[in-house]
């Protein structure tokens, strides 16, 4: 008995050649591409989250503000650019994180914002309204 599948004759008992991942039809190729895309997306998403920057600042109570920063994957923030700008965006202080991923500056009068800028899509903005006096330094 001979079976007919989509116009092709198949002889009973004859093993069919198995098709590789990219030797199949369009559906197989689309499935493979989708699978690869999902794995690539998961890989890059986990990398992006792991290298997320953080920065927090505290008022030392002595007229200075201490900012500490880094990345969630444990990387230090040594050399990361940090700026303090006033309410109009004027740069008041321009510096970099030290060897301990810290930056200390004289507290400006009025409203200000600290900008931790580690490059492309790695910026943390800390408004002065979120900077509180550190109870451990009093």
Protein backbone atom coordinates (compact mmCIF):
# COMPACT_ATOMS: atom_id res chain seq x y z
CA UNK A 1 0.00 0.00 0.00
CA UNK A 2 1.29 3.44 -0.94
CA UNK A 3 0.36 6.56 1.00
CA UNK A 4 0.13 9.95 -0.65
CA UNK A 5 1.02 13.00 1.39
CA UNK A 6 0.62 16.39 -0.31
CA UNK A 7 1.24 14.96 -3.74
CA UNK A 8 4.42 13.04 -2.82
CA UNK A 9 4.41 9.28 -3.00
CA UNK A 10 5.97 7.56 -0.03
CA UNK A 11 6.86 3.91 -0.20
CA UNK A 12 6.00 1.93 2.91
CA UNK A 13 9.00 0.87 4.95
CA UNK A 14 11.33 3.47 3.41
CA UNK A 15 12.79 5.71 6.08
CA UNK A 16 12.32 9.39 5.40
CA UNK A 17 15.25 11.75 5.57
CA UNK A 18 14.89 13.87 8.69
CA UNK A 19 15.14 17.56 8.02
CA UNK A 20 17.45 19.74 10.06
CA UNK A 21 16.32 22.83 11.87
CA UNK A 22 16.76 25.13 8.87
CA UNK A 23 15.92 22.58 6.15
CA UNK A 24 12.21 22.59 6.91
CA UNK A 25 9.59 24.74 5.33
CA UNK A 26 8.82 28.37 6.12
CA UNK A 27 6.96 27.40 9.30
CA UNK A 28 9.99 25.57 10.68
CA UNK A 29 12.26 28.53 9.89
CA UNK A 30 9.86 30.96 11.54
CA UNK A 31 9.67 28.76 14.63
CA UNK A 32 13.45 28.55 14.84
CA UNK A 33 13.80 32.31 14.45
CA UNK A 34 11.17 32.91 17.11
CA UNK A 35 12.95 30.55 19.50
CA UNK A 36 16.32 32.22 18.90
CA UNK A 37 14.75 35.67 19.34
CA UNK A 38 13.17 34.68 22.65
CA UNK A 39 16.48 33.34 24.03
CA UNK A 40 18.38 36.43 22.83
CA UNK A 41 15.75 38.71 24.38
CA UNK A 42 15.96 36.93 27.71
CA UNK A 43 19.75 37.06 27.66
CA UNK A 44 19.95 40.79 26.92
CA UNK A 45 17.11 41.63 29.31
CA UNK A 46 18.91 39.89 32.17
CA UNK A 47 22.14 41.70 31.27
CA UNK A 48 20.38 45.07 31.20
CA UNK A 49 18.83 44.50 34.62
CA UNK A 50 22.10 43.23 36.07
CA UNK A 51 23.94 46.39 35.00
CA UNK A 52 21.30 48.79 36.29
CA UNK A 53 22.85 51.80 38.04
CA UNK A 54 21.91 53.04 41.48
CA UNK A 55 22.77 56.22 43.35
CA UNK A 56 21.57 57.57 46.66
CA UNK A 57 22.57 60.70 48.49
CA UNK A 58 22.36 61.72 52.12
CA UNK A 59 22.75 65.07 53.86
CA UNK A 60 25.66 64.62 56.27
CA UNK A 61 24.30 67.32 58.59
CA UNK A 62 27.55 69.30 58.35
CA UNK A 63 26.78 71.28 55.19
CA UNK A 64 27.88 68.46 52.87
CA UNK A 65 26.06 65.79 50.89
CA UNK A 66 27.46 62.29 50.33
CA UNK A 67 26.37 60.34 47.24
CA UNK A 68 27.13 56.64 46.80
CA UNK A 69 26.62 54.71 43.58
CA UNK A 70 27.26 51.52 41.69
CA UNK A 71 25.55 48.85 39.62
CA UNK A 72 23.28 45.97 40.61
CA UNK A 73 25.75 43.45 39.22
CA UNK A 74 28.28 44.62 41.82
CA UNK A 75 30.34 46.79 39.49
CA UNK A 76 31.81 49.89 41.07
CA UNK A 77 31.04 53.41 39.94
CA UNK A 78 34.65 54.62 40.06
CA UNK A 79 35.06 57.51 37.61
CA UNK A 80 31.34 57.84 36.84
CA UNK A 81 30.41 61.44 36.04
CA UNK A 82 28.25 63.20 38.61
CA UNK A 83 26.78 66.69 38.41
CA UNK A 84 24.79 68.92 40.73
CA UNK A 85 22.46 71.31 38.90
CA UNK A 86 20.15 74.04 40.18
CA UNK A 87 16.42 74.36 39.46
CA UNK A 88 17.21 76.09 36.13
CA UNK A 89 19.58 73.31 34.99
CA UNK A 90 22.74 75.35 35.58
CA UNK A 91 25.67 73.11 36.54
CA UNK A 92 26.79 74.01 40.06
CA UNK A 93 29.22 71.14 40.65
CA UNK A 94 30.84 68.80 38.14
CA UNK A 95 32.84 65.80 39.31
CA UNK A 96 33.40 62.03 39.31
CA UNK A 97 32.89 59.20 41.77
CA UNK A 98 36.05 58.38 43.75
CA UNK A 99 37.74 55.00 44.30
CA UNK A 100 35.05 54.08 46.81
CA UNK A 101 32.22 54.98 44.38
CA UNK A 102 31.41 58.05 46.49
CA UNK A 103 31.13 61.76 45.82
CA UNK A 104 30.89 64.42 48.54
CA UNK A 105 29.99 68.03 47.82
CA UNK A 106 29.05 71.22 49.65
CA UNK A 107 25.26 71.41 49.92
CA UNK A 108 23.92 74.19 47.66
CA UNK A 109 21.23 76.55 48.90
CA UNK A 110 17.79 76.13 47.33
CA UNK A 111 16.53 73.30 45.16
CA UNK A 112 19.08 71.20 43.30
CA UNK A 113 19.36 67.84 41.54
CA UNK A 114 22.18 65.28 41.54
CA UNK A 115 22.76 63.55 38.19
CA UNK A 116 24.69 60.26 38.21
CA UNK A 117 25.61 59.73 34.54
CA UNK A 118 27.23 56.38 33.71
CA UNK A 119 26.56 56.69 29.97
CA UNK A 120 23.90 55.49 27.55
CA UNK A 121 20.65 54.79 29.44
CA UNK A 122 22.56 54.58 32.73
CA UNK A 123 21.52 57.84 34.38
CA UNK A 124 20.10 58.25 37.88
CA UNK A 125 18.52 61.55 38.93
CA UNK A 126 18.23 62.40 42.62
CA UNK A 127 16.23 65.57 43.41
CA UNK A 128 17.20 67.44 46.58
CA UNK A 129 13.70 66.80 47.95
CA UNK A 130 14.65 63.10 48.25
CA UNK A 131 17.93 63.77 50.07
CA UNK A 132 17.43 63.46 53.81
CA UNK A 133 19.73 63.96 56.76
CA UNK A 134 21.64 60.78 57.55
CA UNK A 135 20.77 59.89 61.14
CA UNK A 136 24.06 57.99 61.59
CA UNK A 137 26.19 61.11 61.07
CA UNK A 138 24.45 63.27 63.68
